[in-house]
């Protein structure tokens, strides 16, 4: 009987490790590596209180970060959309993991993040810089990350 429970626990742990779906809760987003997600934010008193998923795509190729920065076209749209791309990336012949963010709230957005390294079950805090509306923001890591948890979203004037 103990072996049966150990076996079940083992399979549940493996299933938890191999998360490949985006999870969007009221104020928390978990994005596995290789995903692009577009959200619509519900805002109340400069705080994002809820998200609605607009689109979700798999990313199979590494993002060229220099090209992503060059090709971005700034606009004045303020539709409360937020796009996250969490993927393997390439920058000047170096491989890394990147979170690309484009948000169109008309305000500067801050949030907190935790990353989960492959082969581990817990998330570790990491730093994220504030993101100006209608620009491309890119965060980079050289770690072998399998997902990122984003939370505590705030908007500033």
Protein backbone atom coordinates (compact mmCIF):
# COMPACT_ATOMS: atom_id res chain seq x y z
CA UNK A 1 0.00 0.00 0.00
CA UNK A 2 2.86 2.39 0.83
CA UNK A 3 4.41 1.68 -2.56
CA UNK A 4 1.14 2.50 -4.27
CA UNK A 5 0.93 5.89 -2.53
CA UNK A 6 4.58 6.60 -3.29
CA UNK A 7 3.98 5.75 -6.93
CA UNK A 8 0.93 8.02 -7.12
CA UNK A 9 2.85 10.84 -5.41
CA UNK A 10 5.73 10.39 -7.85
CA UNK A 11 3.44 10.66 -10.88
CA UNK A 12 1.67 13.71 -9.44
CA UNK A 13 5.04 15.39 -8.88
CA UNK A 14 6.05 14.68 -12.47
CA UNK A 15 2.74 16.04 -13.77
CA UNK A 16 3.20 19.23 -11.75
CA UNK A 17 6.72 19.66 -13.14
CA UNK A 18 5.63 19.32 -16.75
CA UNK A 19 3.17 22.20 -16.76
CA UNK A 20 2.59 23.39 -20.31
CA UNK A 21 -0.58 25.44 -19.94
CA UNK A 22 -0.81 29.08 -19.01
CA UNK A 23 -2.66 29.65 -15.73
CA UNK A 24 -4.47 32.98 -15.32
CA UNK A 25 -6.10 33.64 -11.97
CA UNK A 26 -7.52 36.95 -10.77
CA UNK A 27 -4.18 38.57 -9.94
CA UNK A 28 -1.62 35.90 -10.80
CA UNK A 29 -0.30 34.51 -14.08
CA UNK A 30 1.85 31.40 -14.53
CA UNK A 31 3.49 31.08 -17.95
CA UNK A 32 5.46 27.99 -18.98
CA UNK A 33 8.44 28.36 -21.30
CA UNK A 34 7.50 28.63 -24.98
CA UNK A 35 4.25 30.58 -24.64
CA UNK A 36 2.85 33.88 -25.87
CA UNK A 37 -0.24 35.18 -24.11
CA UNK A 38 -2.33 38.28 -24.72
CA UNK A 39 -4.54 39.49 -21.88
CA UNK A 40 -7.07 42.24 -21.28
CA UNK A 41 -6.64 43.81 -17.84
CA UNK A 42 -9.50 44.92 -15.60
CA UNK A 43 -8.25 47.94 -13.66
CA UNK A 44 -9.57 49.50 -10.46
CA UNK A 45 -7.80 52.35 -8.64
CA UNK A 46 -4.45 51.78 -10.41
CA UNK A 47 -4.46 48.08 -9.55
CA UNK A 48 -5.06 45.26 -11.99
CA UNK A 49 -7.77 43.18 -10.33
CA UNK A 50 -8.49 40.63 -13.05
CA UNK A 51 -7.33 39.35 -16.44
CA UNK A 52 -9.20 37.96 -19.41
CA UNK A 53 -7.24 35.75 -21.81
CA UNK A 54 -7.55 37.06 -25.38
CA UNK A 55 -5.02 34.79 -27.13
CA UNK A 56 -2.52 32.06 -26.29
CA UNK A 57 0.11 30.65 -28.67
CA UNK A 58 3.02 28.23 -28.56
CA UNK A 59 6.44 29.65 -29.43
CA UNK A 60 8.68 27.04 -31.07
CA UNK A 61 11.58 29.18 -32.31
CA UNK A 62 14.00 31.25 -30.27
CA UNK A 63 13.18 34.95 -30.20
CA UNK A 64 15.84 37.22 -31.71
CA UNK A 65 15.86 39.93 -29.05
CA UNK A 66 17.67 42.56 -31.11
CA UNK A 67 15.17 42.10 -33.94
CA UNK A 68 12.26 42.26 -31.48
CA UNK A 69 13.48 45.62 -30.22
CA UNK A 70 14.17 46.99 -33.72
CA UNK A 71 10.83 45.91 -35.19
CA UNK A 72 8.59 47.28 -32.42
CA UNK A 73 6.37 50.14 -33.58
CA UNK A 74 5.17 52.44 -30.81
CA UNK A 75 1.56 53.60 -30.95
CA UNK A 76 -0.82 55.51 -28.70
CA UNK A 77 -3.36 52.73 -28.14
CA UNK A 78 -4.65 52.46 -24.57
CA UNK A 79 -6.84 49.36 -24.62
CA UNK A 80 -5.58 47.72 -21.38
CA UNK A 81 -4.00 44.86 -23.32
CA UNK A 82 -0.88 43.12 -22.05
CA UNK A 83 1.22 40.72 -24.12
CA UNK A 84 3.75 38.37 -22.52
CA UNK A 85 6.14 36.16 -24.48
CA UNK A 86 8.15 33.77 -22.28
CA UNK A 87 10.55 31.82 -24.44
CA UNK A 88 14.05 30.76 -25.28
CA UNK A 89 15.83 33.65 -26.94
CA UNK A 90 18.94 34.57 -28.85
CA UNK A 91 21.02 37.71 -28.40
CA UNK A 92 24.33 38.16 -30.19
CA UNK A 93 25.03 34.39 -30.38
CA UNK A 94 24.08 33.80 -26.75
CA UNK A 95 21.15 31.60 -25.73
CA UNK A 96 19.01 32.67 -22.81
CA UNK A 97 15.47 32.77 -21.47
CA UNK A 98 13.48 35.98 -21.98
CA UNK A 99 10.21 37.55 -20.92
CA UNK A 100 9.07 40.11 -23.48
CA UNK A 101 6.27 42.40 -22.30
CA UNK A 102 4.19 44.95 -24.20
CA UNK A 103 1.45 46.65 -22.21
CA UNK A 104 -1.01 49.30 -23.37
CA UNK A 105 -2.62 50.70 -20.25
CA UNK A 106 -1.43 54.27 -20.70
CA UNK A 107 0.45 54.03 -17.39
CA UNK A 108 3.69 52.56 -16.11
CA UNK A 109 3.16 48.98 -14.88
CA UNK A 110 5.03 47.20 -12.12
CA UNK A 111 4.70 43.61 -11.00
CA UNK A 112 6.62 40.95 -9.13
CA UNK A 113 7.90 37.68 -10.53
CA UNK A 114 9.17 34.29 -9.43
CA UNK A 115 10.90 31.74 -11.65
CA UNK A 116 10.96 27.97 -11.37
CA UNK A 117 14.12 26.23 -12.49
CA UNK A 118 13.81 22.94 -14.36
CA UNK A 119 13.89 19.99 -11.99
CA UNK A 120 12.66 21.95 -8.97
CA UNK A 121 9.20 22.37 -7.51
CA UNK A 122 9.50 25.78 -5.87
CA UNK A 123 9.60 29.29 -7.31
CA UNK A 124 12.38 31.78 -6.52
CA UNK A 125 11.91 35.57 -6.56
CA UNK A 126 13.50 37.50 -9.41
CA UNK A 127 13.62 41.18 -10.27
CA UNK A 128 11.51 42.87 -12.95
CA UNK A 129 11.91 46.49 -14.07
CA UNK A 130 8.83 48.75 -14.40
CA UNK A 131 7.29 48.72 -17.89
CA UNK A 132 6.28 51.92 -19.66
CA UNK A 133 3.05 51.77 -21.68
CA UNK A 134 3.37 51.13 -25.44
CA UNK A 135 7.00 50.01 -25.34
CA UNK A 136 8.79 46.66 -25.47
CA UNK A 137 10.37 45.49 -22.23
CA UNK A 138 12.68 42.47 -22.15
CA UNK A 139 13.92 40.63 -19.06
CA UNK A 140 16.64 37.99 -19.51
CA UNK A 141 17.93 35.02 -17.54
CA UNK A 142 20.74 32.56 -18.23
CA UNK A 143 19.15 29.97 -15.93
CA UNK A 144 17.34 26.86 -17.17
CA UNK A 145 13.80 28.02 -16.32
CA UNK A 146 10.60 26.09 -16.98
CA UNK A 147 7.97 28.65 -15.90
CA UNK A 148 7.47 32.13 -14.50
CA UNK A 149 4.88 33.36 -12.00
CA UNK A 150 3.78 37.02 -12.31
CA UNK A 151 1.77 38.74 -9.57
CA UNK A 152 1.08 41.98 -7.64
CA UNK A 153 0.37 44.12 -10.70
CA UNK A 154 0.25 47.90 -10.08
CA UNK A 155 -0.14 50.90 -12.38
CA UNK A 156 1.55 54.26 -11.82
CA UNK A 157 1.01 57.61 -13.53
